[in-house]
């Protein structure tokens, strides 16, 4: 019989076995770790468009709405966001480091956004970055494409005792025989010789903040509107005292109106940062001028009607070509918001004043303006300025309750009228340059003889209102 041979196998080399198995172990461990990270990431949902849109509305919409449209970018909806702005797309899905929107809020691309405001918090930046890196997806199915604006309605608060409406606007008629006075919900035509009421134009939605007569004296434009809701211009026939038409287009109240020298255009300035041109004959909007980045408080046509000036809270005065609507140049010396502007009757100079308490004048050319004079004119914000019809003097009113008269060429003080009982928010000079009408926050009107500086009509209450008087929020609105 045969015996089975015994074969002796060599002892295993444990060191070699370990080296052979080590790569597989490392790969398996790595895969397990990677899948764990992926699972952890999958468990953290990406921010939604609703969260990002809320961030936009809180920090960005003031400059990137359909009205302002800074840089050509609108953030009111997902569609306008992904369409980008003047520099092209601002969001590149899954590539936040290539997305201009994120780079600008981070300050890596100038100017840093929000422009002139508080930078976004690290949390907000992280939310925006995570949304882009997750694919920058739009609204959920069935969700509204745009976020509705908040309800901006204000309660009507009726006073318990009779009060007088502030006088917020004034204008002499071209022949000097009428004085239009604007107050809460109404315009009144006064006889400047005695102060009697000739006519009343009711039905305005809120405080009438601006008035302008047509050059032929046949109609009157009265503007105002509801704060944060709409602007309103009503045109009144001065022969029949009937309302001709109402024009609406601004998304906030109007603070200033001007009529072109030929009477064919009305310019309006609004808290919504826009200037609009209107056809008073049809009531249709002709053009919208967009370049200011804050509330526009003043507009004025040049004497030849070819240019329009606008002054705003963004500390600038802008000069526009009326025919094309193009901005010609910007005068940027003011240190704070501009509340009032006026062209010199010769048309070669413009004056501006506002919250920085200074009056500035610029000599104008075809291509720009050169600062001619500047003067610290008052102890508080300047509310109104105007030139005399002969262009030799400038008259200013201030929150310091003074009215001062200045030499237009040198800005040296000529005289100061009597101390005023309240803010003079409205002024108008008669066409012959002899009388100055002033309207105050306390509701009173006075007319001064500019030669003697004495009142010829003193402290007439233009609007004696009762329980339907101006809302309690009106002084706050006046201070906006």
Protein backbone atom coordinates (compact mmCIF):
# COMPACT_ATOMS: atom_id res chain seq x y z
CA UNK A 1 0.00 0.00 0.00
CA UNK A 2 1.10 3.41 -0.66
CA UNK A 3 1.44 5.91 2.11
CA UNK A 4 0.28 9.55 1.56
CA UNK A 5 3.27 11.79 1.44
CA UNK A 6 3.29 14.67 3.89
CA UNK A 7 3.95 18.05 2.36
CA UNK A 8 5.31 20.67 4.70
CA UNK A 9 4.14 24.19 3.78
CA UNK A 10 6.27 27.15 4.61
CA UNK A 11 5.12 29.30 7.54
CA UNK A 12 3.08 32.35 6.43
CA UNK A 13 4.92 35.64 6.21
CA UNK A 14 2.69 37.83 8.40
CA UNK A 15 4.52 41.06 7.54
CA UNK A 16 3.96 40.48 3.83
CA UNK A 17 0.29 39.68 4.40
CA UNK A 18 -0.18 42.95 6.32
CA UNK A 19 1.36 44.95 3.51
CA UNK A 20 -0.89 43.28 0.94
CA UNK A 21 -4.09 43.94 2.90
CA UNK A 22 -3.30 47.52 4.03
CA UNK A 23 -4.34 49.35 0.80
CA UNK A 24 -7.73 47.63 0.73
CA UNK A 25 -8.29 48.57 4.37
CA UNK A 26 -7.41 52.19 3.77
CA UNK A 27 -9.69 52.42 0.73
CA UNK A 28 -12.60 50.85 2.57
CA UNK A 29 -12.12 53.17 5.56
CA UNK A 30 -11.91 56.16 3.28
CA UNK A 31 -15.09 55.16 1.47
CA UNK A 32 -16.92 54.69 4.74
CA UNK A 33 -15.78 58.16 5.89
CA UNK A 34 -16.75 59.78 2.61
CA UNK A 35 -20.18 58.25 2.63
CA UNK A 36 -20.60 59.41 6.21
CA UNK A 37 -19.80 63.00 5.25
CA UNK A 38 -22.15 62.76 2.28
CA UNK A 39 -24.89 61.46 4.54
CA UNK A 40 -24.26 64.32 6.99
CA UNK A 41 -24.39 66.87 4.18
CA UNK A 42 -27.53 65.33 2.79
CA UNK A 43 -29.15 65.67 6.20
CA UNK A 44 -28.57 69.49 6.16
CA UNK A 45 -31.05 70.95 3.67
CA UNK A 46 -29.87 73.77 1.44
CA UNK A 47 -31.42 77.21 1.94
CA UNK A 48 -34.55 77.81 -0.13
CA UNK A 49 -35.20 80.66 -2.53
CA UNK A 50 -37.79 81.96 -0.05
CA UNK A 51 -35.03 82.43 2.54
CA UNK A 52 -32.77 84.15 0.02
CA UNK A 53 -35.62 86.34 -1.24
CA UNK A 54 -36.36 87.41 2.33
CA UNK A 55 -32.70 88.38 2.66
CA UNK A 56 -32.94 90.44 -0.55
CA UNK A 57 -36.07 92.27 0.56
CA UNK A 58 -34.52 93.16 3.89
CA UNK A 59 -31.18 94.40 2.57
CA UNK A 60 -31.21 94.96 -1.20
CA UNK A 61 -34.62 95.77 -2.64
CA UNK A 62 -34.37 99.53 -2.01
CA UNK A 63 -31.73 99.81 -4.75
CA UNK A 64 -32.66 96.79 -6.90
CA UNK A 65 -36.39 97.15 -7.48
CA UNK A 66 -38.16 97.72 -10.75
CA UNK A 67 -38.07 101.44 -9.98
CA UNK A 68 -34.47 101.90 -8.84
CA UNK A 69 -32.79 99.15 -10.87
CA UNK A 70 -29.24 100.04 -9.85
CA UNK A 71 -26.69 98.34 -12.07
CA UNK A 72 -29.56 97.05 -14.19
CA UNK A 73 -30.28 94.38 -11.55
CA UNK A 74 -33.78 93.69 -10.19
CA UNK A 75 -34.19 91.35 -7.22
CA UNK A 76 -37.98 91.38 -7.01
CA UNK A 77 -38.38 87.88 -8.48
CA UNK A 78 -36.38 84.76 -9.29
CA UNK A 79 -36.67 85.46 -13.02
CA UNK A 80 -35.21 88.97 -12.74
CA UNK A 81 -32.45 87.68 -10.44
CA UNK A 82 -31.22 85.01 -12.84
CA UNK A 83 -31.45 87.40 -15.81
CA UNK A 84 -28.66 89.41 -14.19
CA UNK A 85 -27.71 93.05 -14.55
CA UNK A 86 -25.54 95.36 -16.59
CA UNK A 87 -22.50 93.10 -16.07
CA UNK A 88 -24.33 89.91 -17.05
CA UNK A 89 -25.42 87.02 -14.79
CA UNK A 90 -24.87 87.61 -11.08
CA UNK A 91 -25.43 84.00 -9.98
CA UNK A 92 -23.61 80.94 -11.35
CA UNK A 93 -25.31 77.80 -10.02
CA UNK A 94 -23.01 75.60 -7.87
CA UNK A 95 -20.17 78.11 -8.27
CA UNK A 96 -20.49 80.73 -5.56
CA UNK A 97 -16.87 81.79 -6.01
CA UNK A 98 -17.76 82.86 -9.58
CA UNK A 99 -21.06 84.53 -8.68
CA UNK A 100 -20.83 88.32 -8.84
CA UNK A 101 -23.67 88.72 -6.37
CA UNK A 102 -21.82 86.89 -3.61
CA UNK A 103 -18.49 88.53 -4.44
CA UNK A 104 -20.05 91.99 -4.09
CA UNK A 105 -21.70 91.32 -0.73
CA UNK A 106 -18.38 89.88 0.46
CA UNK A 107 -16.59 93.02 -0.68
CA UNK A 108 -14.32 91.12 -3.08
CA UNK A 109 -15.79 93.13 -5.98
CA UNK A 110 -16.30 96.85 -5.47
CA UNK A 111 -18.45 98.60 -4.53
CA UNK A 112 -19.43 96.37 -1.65
CA UNK A 113 -23.13 95.74 -1.35
CA UNK A 114 -25.48 96.85 0.14
CA UNK A 115 -24.27 100.18 -1.24
CA UNK A 116 -23.75 102.73 1.52
CA UNK A 117 -25.45 100.50 4.08
CA UNK A 118 -24.57 97.93 6.72
CA UNK A 119 -22.72 94.94 5.26
CA UNK A 120 -24.52 91.61 5.33
CA UNK A 121 -23.92 89.47 8.40
CA UNK A 122 -21.75 86.38 8.16
CA UNK A 123 -24.89 84.29 8.60
CA UNK A 124 -26.64 85.96 5.65
CA UNK A 125 -23.55 85.60 3.48
CA UNK A 126 -23.30 81.91 4.40
CA UNK A 127 -26.99 81.43 3.52
CA UNK A 128 -26.52 83.03 0.12
CA UNK A 129 -23.36 81.02 -0.56
CA UNK A 130 -24.99 77.73 0.43
CA UNK A 131 -28.02 78.44 -1.78
CA UNK A 132 -25.82 79.12 -4.82
CA UNK A 133 -23.59 76.07 -4.21
CA UNK A 134 -26.69 73.88 -3.87
CA UNK A 135 -27.83 74.87 -7.35
CA UNK A 136 -29.53 78.27 -6.84
CA UNK A 137 -32.97 76.73 -7.30
CA UNK A 138 -36.07 78.88 -7.71
CA UNK A 139 -39.35 79.00 -5.78
CA UNK A 140 -41.03 75.80 -4.72
CA UNK A 141 -43.81 74.50 -6.95
CA UNK A 142 -46.94 76.53 -6.32
CA UNK A 143 -45.13 79.29 -4.42
CA UNK A 144 -45.60 82.90 -5.60
CA UNK A 145 -42.87 84.09 -7.95
CA UNK A 146 -42.56 87.41 -6.12
CA UNK A 147 -42.93 88.35 -2.49
CA UNK A 148 -45.89 90.71 -2.02
CA UNK A 149 -44.96 94.05 -0.47
CA UNK A 150 -45.89 94.54 3.17
CA UNK A 151 -49.12 96.32 3.94
CA UNK A 152 -48.12 99.97 4.19
CA UNK A 153 -51.52 101.31 5.20
CA UNK A 154 -51.62 103.74 8.09
CA UNK A 155 -54.50 104.15 10.50
CA UNK A 156 -56.37 107.43 10.31
CA UNK A 157 -56.05 109.09 13.70
CA UNK A 158 -58.52 111.89 14.23
CA UNK A 159 -57.65 114.57 16.77
CA UNK A 160 -60.02 115.22 19.64
CA UNK A 161 -59.72 119.01 19.33
CA UNK A 162 -59.64 121.25 16.24
CA UNK A 163 -56.20 121.65 14.73
CA UNK A 164 -54.72 123.49 11.76
CA UNK A 165 -53.09 121.67 8.88
CA UNK A 166 -49.43 122.49 8.19
CA UNK A 167 -48.89 124.71 5.16
CA UNK A 168 -46.64 122.59 2.99
CA UNK A 169 -46.69 124.36 -0.39
CA UNK A 170 -47.24 127.85 -1.82
CA UNK A 171 -47.20 129.51 -5.25
CA UNK A 172 -48.08 132.95 -6.60
CA UNK A 173 -49.99 132.96 -9.89
CA UNK A 174 -48.11 134.44 -12.89
CA UNK A 175 -50.05 137.72 -12.58
CA UNK A 176 -49.62 137.85 -8.79
CA UNK A 177 -53.36 138.08 -8.15
CA UNK A 178 -53.73 134.65 -6.54
CA UNK A 179 -51.79 132.74 -3.92
CA UNK A 180 -52.19 128.95 -3.91
CA UNK A 181 -51.70 127.31 -0.52
CA UNK A 182 -51.38 123.55 0.01
CA UNK A 183 -52.41 121.74 3.17
CA UNK A 184 -53.80 118.41 4.27
CA UNK A 185 -56.14 117.06 1.58
CA UNK A 186 -56.85 120.47 0.08
CA UNK A 187 -55.57 123.46 -1.90
CA UNK A 188 -56.91 126.94 -1.28
CA UNK A 189 -56.66 129.98 -3.52
CA UNK A 190 -56.23 133.16 -1.52
CA UNK A 191 -56.45 136.81 -2.46
CA UNK A 192 -52.97 137.99 -1.42
CA UNK A 193 -54.16 141.53 -0.85
CA UNK A 194 -56.44 140.60 2.02
CA UNK A 195 -56.14 136.87 2.62
CA UNK A 196 -59.72 135.94 1.73
CA UNK A 197 -60.38 132.53 0.19
CA UNK A 198 -61.23 132.67 -3.51
CA UNK A 199 -61.66 128.92 -4.06
CA UNK A 200 -60.95 125.57 -2.44
CA UNK A 201 -59.83 122.40 -4.18
CA UNK A 202 -60.51 119.37 -1.92
CA UNK A 203 -60.13 115.66 -2.51
CA UNK A 204 -56.36 115.19 -2.29
CA UNK A 205 -55.34 111.90 -0.68
CA UNK A 206 -52.92 113.40 1.86
CA UNK A 207 -50.78 116.49 2.41
CA UNK A 208 -50.34 118.62 -0.72
CA UNK A 209 -46.55 119.02 -0.78
CA UNK A 210 -46.00 120.91 -4.04
CA UNK A 211 -47.77 123.47 -6.22
CA UNK A 212 -47.01 125.00 -9.63
CA UNK A 213 -49.03 127.30 -11.91
CA UNK A 214 -48.99 126.98 -15.68
CA UNK A 215 -47.13 129.89 -17.34
CA UNK A 216 -50.41 131.25 -18.77
CA UNK A 217 -52.14 131.03 -15.38
CA UNK A 218 -54.94 128.80 -16.67
CA UNK A 219 -54.32 125.74 -14.50
CA UNK A 220 -52.62 124.66 -11.29
CA UNK A 221 -50.73 121.42 -10.59
CA UNK A 222 -50.99 120.17 -7.03
CA UNK A 223 -48.97 117.14 -5.94
CA UNK A 224 -48.62 114.88 -2.92
CA UNK A 225 -49.81 111.34 -2.36
CA UNK A 226 -49.67 108.69 0.33
CA UNK A 227 -46.27 107.93 1.92
CA UNK A 228 -44.92 104.50 0.86
CA UNK A 229 -47.97 103.91 -1.34
CA UNK A 230 -48.39 106.31 -4.26
CA UNK A 231 -47.75 109.74 -5.71
CA UNK A 232 -50.55 111.95 -6.99
CA UNK A 233 -50.78 115.05 -9.19
CA UNK A 234 -54.10 116.84 -9.69
CA UNK A 235 -54.57 119.56 -12.29
CA UNK A 236 -57.20 122.22 -11.54
CA UNK A 237 -58.81 124.61 -14.00
CA UNK A 238 -58.52 128.13 -12.57
CA UNK A 239 -61.48 129.51 -14.50
CA UNK A 240 -64.07 126.86 -13.68
CA UNK A 241 -62.37 125.59 -10.49
CA UNK A 242 -62.96 122.06 -11.77
CA UNK A 243 -60.59 119.11 -11.61
CA UNK A 244 -59.20 118.44 -15.08
CA UNK A 245 -57.32 115.21 -14.40
CA UNK A 246 -55.37 113.18 -11.87
CA UNK A 247 -51.99 111.64 -12.70
CA UNK A 248 -50.53 108.72 -10.75
CA UNK A 249 -47.33 106.79 -11.34
CA UNK A 250 -44.90 107.18 -8.47
CA UNK A 251 -44.82 104.51 -5.76
CA UNK A 252 -44.29 107.04 -2.97
CA UNK A 253 -45.41 110.58 -2.27
CA UNK A 254 -44.29 113.53 -4.42
CA UNK A 255 -42.32 116.36 -2.81
CA UNK A 256 -41.84 118.76 -5.70
CA UNK A 257 -43.38 119.67 -9.06
CA UNK A 258 -42.28 122.13 -11.72
CA UNK A 259 -43.91 123.28 -14.97
CA UNK A 260 -41.77 123.87 -18.05
CA UNK A 261 -41.62 127.48 -19.35
CA UNK A 262 -43.75 126.53 -22.38
CA UNK A 263 -46.31 124.74 -20.18
CA UNK A 264 -45.99 121.48 -22.10
CA UNK A 265 -44.36 119.36 -19.37
CA UNK A 266 -44.69 118.79 -15.66
CA UNK A 267 -41.75 117.37 -13.71
CA UNK A 268 -42.30 115.54 -10.43
CA UNK A 269 -39.84 114.43 -7.74
CA UNK A 270 -40.70 111.60 -5.37
CA UNK A 271 -39.51 109.75 -2.31
CA UNK A 272 -39.34 106.65 -4.56
CA UNK A 273 -36.01 108.05 -5.96
CA UNK A 274 -37.50 108.85 -9.35
CA UNK A 275 -38.13 111.96 -11.42
CA UNK A 276 -40.98 111.78 -13.93
CA UNK A 277 -42.05 113.98 -16.82
CA UNK A 278 -45.75 114.28 -17.65
CA UNK A 279 -47.89 115.74 -20.43
CA UNK A 280 -50.37 117.99 -18.60
CA UNK A 281 -52.71 118.00 -21.61
CA UNK A 282 -53.27 114.25 -21.64
CA UNK A 283 -52.09 113.26 -18.17
CA UNK A 284 -49.77 110.65 -19.65
CA UNK A 285 -46.30 109.92 -18.37
CA UNK A 286 -43.68 110.99 -20.92
CA UNK A 287 -40.47 109.76 -19.35
CA UNK A 288 -38.91 108.50 -16.11
CA UNK A 289 -35.47 109.74 -15.07
CA UNK A 290 -33.50 107.23 -13.01
CA UNK A 291 -30.14 107.96 -11.44
CA UNK A 292 -30.71 109.08 -7.85
CA UNK A 293 -30.18 106.47 -5.17
CA UNK A 294 -32.29 108.15 -2.49
CA UNK A 295 -35.43 110.25 -2.15
CA UNK A 296 -35.73 113.16 -4.58
CA UNK A 297 -37.00 116.32 -2.88
CA UNK A 298 -36.72 119.05 -5.52
CA UNK A 299 -37.00 119.65 -9.26
CA UNK A 300 -36.66 122.84 -11.32
CA UNK A 301 -36.68 123.66 -15.03
CA UNK A 302 -34.04 125.99 -16.44
CA UNK A 303 -35.49 129.30 -17.72
CA UNK A 304 -35.09 128.14 -21.35
CA UNK A 305 -36.76 124.80 -20.56
CA UNK A 306 -33.93 122.75 -22.04
CA UNK A 307 -32.60 121.41 -18.75
CA UNK A 308 -34.07 120.01 -15.58
CA UNK A 309 -32.34 119.97 -12.19
CA UNK A 310 -33.13 117.55 -9.39
CA UNK A 311 -31.92 117.53 -5.78
CA UNK A 312 -32.03 114.49 -3.53
CA UNK A 313 -31.23 112.92 -0.20
CA UNK A 314 -28.26 111.19 -1.88
CA UNK A 315 -26.40 114.53 -1.51
CA UNK A 316 -26.39 115.37 -5.20
CA UNK A 317 -27.89 117.78 -7.68
CA UNK A 318 -28.30 116.24 -11.14
CA UNK A 319 -28.76 118.12 -14.39
CA UNK A 320 -30.82 116.43 -17.13
CA UNK A 321 -31.45 117.05 -20.81
CA UNK A 322 -35.21 117.45 -21.06
CA UNK A 323 -35.50 116.40 -24.71
CA UNK A 324 -33.65 113.08 -24.35
CA UNK A 325 -33.99 112.37 -20.63
CA UNK A 326 -30.23 111.82 -20.37
CA UNK A 327 -28.34 112.89 -17.27
CA UNK A 328 -25.82 115.51 -18.34
CA UNK A 329 -23.77 115.83 -15.14
CA UNK A 330 -23.92 115.65 -11.35
CA UNK A 331 -23.01 118.30 -8.79
CA UNK A 332 -21.85 116.38 -5.74
CA UNK A 333 -20.45 118.87 -3.23
CA UNK A 334 -23.32 118.80 -0.64
CA UNK A 335 -22.47 117.00 2.60
CA UNK A 336 -26.05 115.94 3.34
CA UNK A 337 -29.41 115.66 1.65
CA UNK A 338 -30.55 118.41 -0.74
CA UNK A 339 -34.06 119.66 -0.01
CA UNK A 340 -34.38 122.70 -2.28
CA UNK A 341 -32.93 123.96 -5.58
CA UNK A 342 -33.49 127.01 -7.77
CA UNK A 343 -32.26 128.27 -11.13
CA UNK A 344 -31.15 131.87 -11.35
CA UNK A 345 -33.49 133.70 -13.79
CA UNK A 346 -30.55 134.22 -16.17
CA UNK A 347 -30.15 130.43 -16.37
CA UNK A 348 -26.37 130.53 -15.90
CA UNK A 349 -26.40 129.59 -12.21
CA UNK A 350 -28.15 127.18 -9.86
CA UNK A 351 -28.44 127.22 -6.07
CA UNK A 352 -29.04 124.29 -3.71
CA UNK A 353 -29.44 123.85 0.03
CA UNK A 354 -30.52 121.25 2.56
CA UNK A 355 -29.63 119.37 5.70
CA UNK A 356 -25.98 120.46 5.86
CA UNK A 357 -27.13 124.09 6.53
CA UNK A 358 -25.14 125.47 3.59
CA UNK A 359 -26.23 127.34 0.49
CA UNK A 360 -24.17 126.54 -2.59
CA UNK A 361 -24.23 128.14 -6.00
CA UNK A 362 -22.73 126.73 -9.20
CA UNK A 363 -21.92 128.51 -12.45
CA UNK A 364 -23.26 126.35 -15.26
CA UNK A 365 -21.78 125.55 -18.65
CA UNK A 366 -22.76 123.13 -21.39
CA UNK A 367 -20.71 120.30 -19.91
CA UNK A 368 -20.80 120.87 -16.18
CA UNK A 369 -20.98 123.17 -13.19
CA UNK A 370 -18.29 124.99 -11.22
CA UNK A 371 -18.87 125.75 -7.55
CA UNK A 372 -19.13 129.53 -7.30
CA UNK A 373 -19.96 130.19 -3.64
CA UNK A 374 -20.83 128.26 -0.50
CA UNK A 375 -21.94 129.64 2.84
CA UNK A 376 -23.06 128.24 6.19
CA UNK A 377 -26.37 130.03 6.10
CA UNK A 378 -28.39 128.77 9.07
CA UNK A 379 -28.12 127.03 12.42
CA UNK A 380 -30.36 124.16 11.33
CA UNK A 381 -31.44 122.41 8.13
CA UNK A 382 -32.46 124.68 5.26
CA UNK A 383 -36.02 123.98 4.12
CA UNK A 384 -36.50 126.28 1.10
CA UNK A 385 -34.49 128.61 -1.13
CA UNK A 386 -35.52 130.79 -4.09
CA UNK A 387 -34.10 133.55 -6.29
CA UNK A 388 -35.73 136.95 -6.60
CA UNK A 389 -37.15 137.62 -10.09
CA UNK A 390 -34.23 139.94 -10.90
CA UNK A 391 -31.71 137.28 -9.81
CA UNK A 392 -29.93 139.63 -7.40
CA UNK A 393 -30.90 137.94 -4.14
CA UNK A 394 -31.51 134.49 -2.68
CA UNK A 395 -34.07 133.94 0.07
CA UNK A 396 -33.78 130.97 2.45
CA UNK A 397 -35.89 129.50 5.25
CA UNK A 398 -34.69 127.08 7.89
CA UNK A 399 -35.71 124.80 10.72
CA UNK A 400 -33.99 127.38 12.96
CA UNK A 401 -37.16 129.48 12.33
CA UNK A 402 -35.42 132.25 10.44
CA UNK A 403 -35.79 133.68 6.94
CA UNK A 404 -32.64 135.26 5.50
CA UNK A 405 -31.98 137.27 2.37
CA UNK A 406 -28.59 136.95 0.65
CA UNK A 407 -26.70 138.68 -2.10
CA UNK A 408 -26.78 136.10 -4.90
CA UNK A 409 -23.31 136.92 -6.24
CA UNK A 410 -21.37 136.81 -2.97
CA UNK A 411 -23.74 135.02 -0.55
CA UNK A 412 -23.27 137.80 1.98
CA UNK A 413 -26.21 138.39 4.32
CA UNK A 414 -28.42 141.37 3.49
CA UNK A 415 -31.19 141.06 6.06
CA UNK A 416 -33.05 138.70 8.38
CA UNK A 417 -36.81 138.79 8.73
CA UNK A 418 -38.56 138.59 12.07
CA UNK A 419 -38.24 135.36 14.06
CA UNK A 420 -40.80 132.86 12.81
CA UNK A 421 -43.22 131.06 15.17
CA UNK A 422 -42.62 127.70 13.44
CA UNK A 423 -40.83 126.10 10.50
CA UNK A 424 -41.35 127.92 7.22
CA UNK A 425 -41.82 124.93 4.91
CA UNK A 426 -43.19 126.91 1.95
CA UNK A 427 -42.25 130.20 0.31
CA UNK A 428 -43.18 132.03 -2.88
CA UNK A 429 -42.15 135.43 -4.19
CA UNK A 430 -44.54 137.58 -6.21
CA UNK A 431 -43.74 138.06 -9.92
CA UNK A 432 -42.83 141.71 -9.31
CA UNK A 433 -40.41 140.72 -6.55
CA UNK A 434 -42.03 142.96 -3.95
CA UNK A 435 -43.83 140.43 -1.71
CA UNK A 436 -42.78 137.20 -0.05
CA UNK A 437 -45.44 134.70 1.02
CA UNK A 438 -44.47 132.18 3.72
CA UNK A 439 -46.35 129.12 4.98
CA UNK A 440 -45.57 127.53 8.33
CA UNK A 441 -45.92 124.16 9.98
CA UNK A 442 -48.36 125.65 12.50
CA UNK A 443 -50.80 126.33 9.64
CA UNK A 444 -50.30 130.10 9.41
CA UNK A 445 -49.56 132.23 6.35
CA UNK A 446 -47.89 135.64 6.22
CA UNK A 447 -46.96 137.97 3.38
CA UNK A 448 -43.97 140.31 3.80
CA UNK A 449 -43.07 143.50 2.01
CA UNK A 450 -39.50 142.80 0.95
CA UNK A 451 -38.58 146.48 0.86
CA UNK A 452 -39.55 147.16 4.48
CA UNK A 453 -39.30 143.53 5.76
CA UNK A 454 -42.61 144.10 7.51
CA UNK A 455 -45.66 141.81 7.17
CA UNK A 456 -48.51 143.17 5.07
CA UNK A 457 -50.58 140.10 5.88
CA UNK A 458 -49.75 138.45 9.17
CA UNK A 459 -50.44 135.03 10.69
CA UNK A 460 -53.54 134.10 8.74
CA UNK A 461 -54.62 130.52 9.48
CA UNK A 462 -55.12 129.02 6.03
CA UNK A 463 -56.63 125.69 7.08
CA UNK A 464 -58.84 125.54 10.16
CA UNK A 465 -59.58 121.84 10.39
CA UNK A 466 -61.68 119.87 12.82
CA UNK A 467 -62.00 116.15 13.46
CA UNK A 468 -60.83 115.19 9.97
CA UNK A 469 -57.50 116.96 10.35
CA UNK A 470 -54.09 115.70 9.41
CA UNK A 471 -53.02 112.35 10.89
CA UNK A 472 -50.70 112.38 13.88
CA UNK A 473 -47.96 110.78 11.77
CA UNK A 474 -47.66 113.85 9.52
CA UNK A 475 -44.75 115.55 11.33
CA UNK A 476 -42.84 112.27 11.08
CA UNK A 477 -43.58 112.16 7.35
CA UNK A 478 -42.43 115.78 7.02
CA UNK A 479 -39.13 114.80 8.62
CA UNK A 480 -38.44 111.81 6.34
